[in-house]
Amino acid sequence: MHIDDTLPSSPSMQAFEADAALHASTTQAQDESMKQIAALRDDAGEAHIAEHIRGMVAATMGGISVHASETTRAHAAHWQQWALGTADGLALPVAA
């Protein structure tokens, strides 16, 4: 995992990160993500989609600056939990 620790982020960057992390954890953003996942199901298997989600979570969380605010980290952790739970749900076999 790569974390950029070379320069502290500016107050405006911290605000942007916090807003983005907060938005990602909203019901509206999660609903939109679920719509996109549903659209992908026509072209890809659920296991493939789950692995893609896990990769996106790893890339996103790895890109959060060590200088990110506690609020940004909390929102990102909330989104991470939701996204990984969604991936785990997709990877489960469907009961017959």
N, C-alpha and C. Protein backbone atom coordinates (compact mmCIF):
# COMPACT_ATOMS: atom_id res chain seq x y z
N MET A 1 0.85 -1.16 0.00
CA MET A 1 0.00 0.00 0.00
C MET A 1 0.90 1.23 0.00
N HIS A 2 0.56 2.20 -0.81
CA HIS A 2 1.31 3.45 -0.89
C HIS A 2 0.51 4.57 -0.24
N ILE A 3 1.14 5.25 0.69
CA ILE A 3 0.50 6.41 1.31
C ILE A 3 1.44 7.58 1.12
N ASP A 4 0.94 8.64 0.53
CA ASP A 4 1.74 9.84 0.29
C ASP A 4 1.95 10.58 1.59
N ASP A 5 3.21 10.57 2.08
CA ASP A 5 3.49 11.27 3.32
C ASP A 5 4.53 12.36 3.13
N THR A 6 4.71 12.82 1.89
CA THR A 6 5.76 13.79 1.60
C THR A 6 5.39 15.21 2.00
N LEU A 7 4.20 15.62 1.74
CA LEU A 7 3.77 16.98 2.05
C LEU A 7 2.42 16.97 2.74
N PRO A 8 2.28 17.81 3.74
CA PRO A 8 0.94 17.90 4.34
C PRO A 8 -0.05 18.46 3.33
N SER A 9 -1.26 17.97 3.37
CA SER A 9 -2.26 18.48 2.45
C SER A 9 -2.75 19.84 2.92
N SER A 10 -3.11 20.65 1.97
CA SER A 10 -3.59 21.99 2.27
C SER A 10 -4.98 21.93 2.89
N PRO A 11 -5.38 22.99 3.57
CA PRO A 11 -6.75 23.00 4.14
C PRO A 11 -7.81 22.78 3.07
N SER A 12 -7.62 23.31 1.87
CA SER A 12 -8.62 23.12 0.82
C SER A 12 -8.65 21.67 0.35
N MET A 13 -7.48 21.02 0.31
CA MET A 13 -7.44 19.61 -0.07
C MET A 13 -8.08 18.75 1.02
N GLN A 14 -7.84 19.09 2.27
CA GLN A 14 -8.46 18.35 3.36
C GLN A 14 -9.98 18.47 3.30
N ALA A 15 -10.47 19.66 2.98
CA ALA A 15 -11.91 19.87 2.86
C ALA A 15 -12.47 19.05 1.70
N PHE A 16 -11.76 19.03 0.57
CA PHE A 16 -12.18 18.25 -0.59
C PHE A 16 -12.23 16.77 -0.24
N GLU A 17 -11.17 16.26 0.41
CA GLU A 17 -11.13 14.85 0.80
C GLU A 17 -12.29 14.52 1.74
N ALA A 18 -12.54 15.39 2.71
CA ALA A 18 -13.62 15.15 3.67
C ALA A 18 -14.97 15.14 2.97
N ASP A 19 -15.19 16.09 2.05
CA ASP A 19 -16.46 16.13 1.31
C ASP A 19 -16.64 14.88 0.46
N ALA A 20 -15.57 14.45 -0.22
CA ALA A 20 -15.65 13.27 -1.08
C ALA A 20 -15.92 12.02 -0.24
N ALA A 21 -15.24 11.90 0.88
CA ALA A 21 -15.45 10.73 1.74
C ALA A 21 -16.85 10.73 2.32
N LEU A 22 -17.35 11.89 2.72
CA LEU A 22 -18.70 11.98 3.25
C LEU A 22 -19.72 11.61 2.18
N HIS A 23 -19.56 12.16 0.97
CA HIS A 23 -20.50 11.87 -0.11
C HIS A 23 -20.53 10.37 -0.43
N ALA A 24 -19.36 9.73 -0.45
CA ALA A 24 -19.30 8.31 -0.79
C ALA A 24 -20.08 7.45 0.19
N SER A 25 -20.25 7.93 1.41
CA SER A 25 -20.96 7.12 2.40
C SER A 25 -22.44 7.47 2.52
N THR A 26 -22.94 8.34 1.65
CA THR A 26 -24.36 8.69 1.70
C THR A 26 -25.22 7.61 1.04
N THR A 27 -26.46 7.57 1.43
CA THR A 27 -27.40 6.62 0.84
C THR A 27 -27.52 6.84 -0.66
N GLN A 28 -27.53 8.10 -1.09
CA GLN A 28 -27.64 8.42 -2.51
C GLN A 28 -26.46 7.83 -3.29
N ALA A 29 -25.25 8.00 -2.79
CA ALA A 29 -24.07 7.46 -3.49
C ALA A 29 -24.09 5.94 -3.48
N GLN A 30 -24.49 5.35 -2.37
CA GLN A 30 -24.55 3.90 -2.30
C GLN A 30 -25.62 3.35 -3.24
N ASP A 31 -26.76 4.01 -3.33
CA ASP A 31 -27.80 3.59 -4.28
C ASP A 31 -27.29 3.65 -5.71
N GLU A 32 -26.58 4.71 -6.05
CA GLU A 32 -26.03 4.84 -7.40
C GLU A 32 -25.01 3.74 -7.67
N SER A 33 -24.20 3.43 -6.69
CA SER A 33 -23.23 2.34 -6.84
C SER A 33 -23.94 1.01 -7.08
N MET A 34 -25.00 0.78 -6.35
CA MET A 34 -25.75 -0.47 -6.53
C MET A 34 -26.37 -0.56 -7.92
N LYS A 35 -26.82 0.57 -8.45
CA LYS A 35 -27.36 0.59 -9.82
C LYS A 35 -26.26 0.23 -10.82
N GLN A 36 -25.08 0.75 -10.61
CA GLN A 36 -23.96 0.45 -11.50
C GLN A 36 -23.57 -1.02 -11.41
N ILE A 37 -23.60 -1.57 -10.21
CA ILE A 37 -23.30 -2.99 -10.04
C ILE A 37 -24.34 -3.83 -10.77
N ALA A 38 -25.60 -3.47 -10.64
CA ALA A 38 -26.67 -4.20 -11.32
C ALA A 38 -26.46 -4.18 -12.83
N ALA A 39 -26.05 -3.05 -13.37
CA ALA A 39 -25.80 -2.95 -14.81
C ALA A 39 -24.62 -3.83 -15.23
N LEU A 40 -23.63 -3.96 -14.37
CA LEU A 40 -22.46 -4.80 -14.68
C LEU A 40 -22.80 -6.28 -14.70
N ARG A 41 -23.82 -6.67 -13.96
CA ARG A 41 -24.17 -8.09 -13.87
C ARG A 41 -24.52 -8.70 -15.22
N ASP A 42 -24.94 -7.88 -16.17
CA ASP A 42 -25.26 -8.39 -17.50
C ASP A 42 -24.01 -8.85 -18.24
N ASP A 43 -22.86 -8.25 -17.92
CA ASP A 43 -21.64 -8.53 -18.67
C ASP A 43 -20.56 -9.26 -17.89
N ALA A 44 -20.67 -9.31 -16.57
CA ALA A 44 -19.62 -9.92 -15.76
C ALA A 44 -20.23 -10.72 -14.63
N GLY A 45 -19.51 -11.74 -14.22
CA GLY A 45 -19.97 -12.55 -13.10
C GLY A 45 -19.82 -11.81 -11.79
N GLU A 46 -20.62 -12.22 -10.82
CA GLU A 46 -20.60 -11.54 -9.53
C GLU A 46 -19.25 -11.66 -8.83
N ALA A 47 -18.57 -12.79 -8.98
CA ALA A 47 -17.25 -12.95 -8.35
C ALA A 47 -16.26 -11.95 -8.95
N HIS A 48 -16.36 -11.74 -10.25
CA HIS A 48 -15.47 -10.77 -10.93
C HIS A 48 -15.78 -9.35 -10.44
N ILE A 49 -17.04 -9.02 -10.32
CA ILE A 49 -17.43 -7.69 -9.84
C ILE A 49 -16.96 -7.50 -8.40
N ALA A 50 -17.10 -8.53 -7.56
CA ALA A 50 -16.66 -8.45 -6.17
C ALA A 50 -15.16 -8.19 -6.09
N GLU A 51 -14.38 -8.87 -6.90
CA GLU A 51 -12.93 -8.65 -6.90
C GLU A 51 -12.59 -7.24 -7.38
N HIS A 52 -13.33 -6.74 -8.34
CA HIS A 52 -13.11 -5.37 -8.82
C HIS A 52 -13.39 -4.37 -7.70
N ILE A 53 -14.48 -4.58 -6.97
CA ILE A 53 -14.81 -3.70 -5.85
C ILE A 53 -13.69 -3.73 -4.82
N ARG A 54 -13.22 -4.91 -4.49
CA ARG A 54 -12.13 -5.02 -3.51
C ARG A 54 -10.88 -4.28 -3.98
N GLY A 55 -10.59 -4.37 -5.26
CA GLY A 55 -9.45 -3.65 -5.82
C GLY A 55 -9.62 -2.14 -5.74
N MET A 56 -10.84 -1.67 -6.01
CA MET A 56 -11.11 -0.24 -5.92
C MET A 56 -11.01 0.25 -4.48
N VAL A 57 -11.46 -0.57 -3.54
CA VAL A 57 -11.35 -0.20 -2.13
C VAL A 57 -9.88 -0.10 -1.74
N ALA A 58 -9.09 -1.08 -2.14
CA ALA A 58 -7.67 -1.07 -1.81
C ALA A 58 -6.98 0.16 -2.40
N ALA A 59 -7.28 0.46 -3.66
CA ALA A 59 -6.67 1.63 -4.30
C ALA A 59 -7.11 2.93 -3.64
N THR A 60 -8.37 3.03 -3.31
CA THR A 60 -8.89 4.24 -2.68
C THR A 60 -8.30 4.44 -1.29
N MET A 61 -8.36 3.40 -0.48
CA MET A 61 -7.85 3.52 0.89
C MET A 61 -6.35 3.73 0.90
N GLY A 62 -5.65 3.14 -0.05
CA GLY A 62 -4.21 3.31 -0.14
C GLY A 62 -3.81 4.71 -0.57
N GLY A 63 -4.74 5.42 -1.21
CA GLY A 63 -4.45 6.77 -1.68
C GLY A 63 -4.79 7.86 -0.69
N ILE A 64 -5.35 7.50 0.44
CA ILE A 64 -5.69 8.52 1.44
C ILE A 64 -4.41 9.00 2.10
N SER A 65 -4.23 10.26 2.12
CA SER A 65 -3.03 10.87 2.69
C SER A 65 -2.95 10.60 4.18
N VAL A 66 -1.72 10.42 4.66
CA VAL A 66 -1.52 10.27 6.10
C VAL A 66 -1.89 11.56 6.82
N HIS A 67 -2.02 12.63 6.05
CA HIS A 67 -2.36 13.93 6.62
C HIS A 67 -3.87 14.19 6.56
N ALA A 68 -4.64 13.21 6.12
CA ALA A 68 -6.09 13.38 6.05
C ALA A 68 -6.64 13.58 7.46
N SER A 69 -7.70 14.34 7.53
CA SER A 69 -8.29 14.63 8.83
C SER A 69 -8.95 13.37 9.41
N GLU A 70 -9.19 13.41 10.69
CA GLU A 70 -9.87 12.31 11.37
C GLU A 70 -11.26 12.10 10.79
N THR A 71 -11.93 13.19 10.43
CA THR A 71 -13.26 13.10 9.82
C THR A 71 -13.19 12.37 8.48
N THR A 72 -12.21 12.73 7.66
CA THR A 72 -12.05 12.07 6.37
C THR A 72 -11.78 10.59 6.57
N ARG A 73 -10.92 10.25 7.49
CA ARG A 73 -10.60 8.85 7.76
C ARG A 73 -11.85 8.09 8.24
N ALA A 74 -12.66 8.72 9.07
CA ALA A 74 -13.87 8.07 9.57
C ALA A 74 -14.87 7.82 8.44
N HIS A 75 -15.06 8.82 7.58
CA HIS A 75 -15.98 8.64 6.45
C HIS A 75 -15.45 7.58 5.48
N ALA A 76 -14.16 7.60 5.24
CA ALA A 76 -13.56 6.61 4.35
C ALA A 76 -13.70 5.20 4.93
N ALA A 77 -13.51 5.05 6.22
CA ALA A 77 -13.67 3.74 6.86
C ALA A 77 -15.11 3.26 6.77
N HIS A 78 -16.06 4.18 6.92
CA HIS A 78 -17.48 3.82 6.79
C HIS A 78 -17.76 3.33 5.36
N TRP A 79 -17.26 4.06 4.37
CA TRP A 79 -17.44 3.65 2.98
C TRP A 79 -16.77 2.31 2.72
N GLN A 80 -15.56 2.13 3.25
CA GLN A 80 -14.82 0.89 3.06
C GLN A 80 -15.63 -0.30 3.60
N GLN A 81 -16.19 -0.15 4.78
CA GLN A 81 -16.98 -1.21 5.38
C GLN A 81 -18.18 -1.55 4.49
N TRP A 82 -18.86 -0.51 4.01
CA TRP A 82 -20.02 -0.74 3.14
C TRP A 82 -19.59 -1.43 1.84
N ALA A 83 -18.55 -0.93 1.20
CA ALA A 83 -18.12 -1.47 -0.09
C ALA A 83 -17.65 -2.92 0.04
N LEU A 84 -16.87 -3.22 1.06
CA LEU A 84 -16.42 -4.60 1.25
C LEU A 84 -17.58 -5.52 1.60
N GLY A 85 -18.55 -5.02 2.36
CA GLY A 85 -19.74 -5.81 2.65
C GLY A 85 -20.53 -6.10 1.38
N THR A 86 -20.59 -5.12 0.50
CA THR A 86 -21.26 -5.31 -0.78
C THR A 86 -20.53 -6.36 -1.61
N ALA A 87 -19.21 -6.27 -1.65
CA ALA A 87 -18.41 -7.26 -2.40
C ALA A 87 -18.60 -8.64 -1.81
N ASP A 88 -18.58 -8.75 -0.49
CA ASP A 88 -18.77 -10.06 0.16
C ASP A 88 -20.14 -10.62 -0.19
N GLY A 89 -21.17 -9.77 -0.24
CA GLY A 89 -22.50 -10.22 -0.59
C GLY A 89 -22.59 -10.74 -2.02
N LEU A 90 -21.86 -10.11 -2.92
CA LEU A 90 -21.85 -10.56 -4.32
C LEU A 90 -21.13 -11.89 -4.47
N ALA A 91 -20.11 -12.11 -3.66
CA ALA A 91 -19.30 -13.30 -3.79
C ALA A 91 -19.95 -14.53 -3.17
N LEU A 92 -21.01 -14.33 -2.37
CA LEU A 92 -21.68 -15.47 -1.75
C LEU A 92 -22.44 -16.29 -2.78
N PRO A 93 -22.40 -17.58 -2.67
CA PRO A 93 -23.19 -18.40 -3.60
C PRO A 93 -24.68 -18.22 -3.32
N VAL A 94 -25.46 -18.25 -4.36
CA VAL A 94 -26.90 -18.10 -4.23
C VAL A 94 -27.49 -19.46 -3.85
N ALA A 95 -28.31 -19.45 -2.79
CA ALA A 95 -28.94 -20.71 -2.34
C ALA A 95 -29.98 -21.16 -3.37
N ALA A 96 -30.01 -22.43 -3.61
CA ALA A 96 -30.95 -22.97 -4.60
C ALA A 96 -32.30 -23.23 -4.01
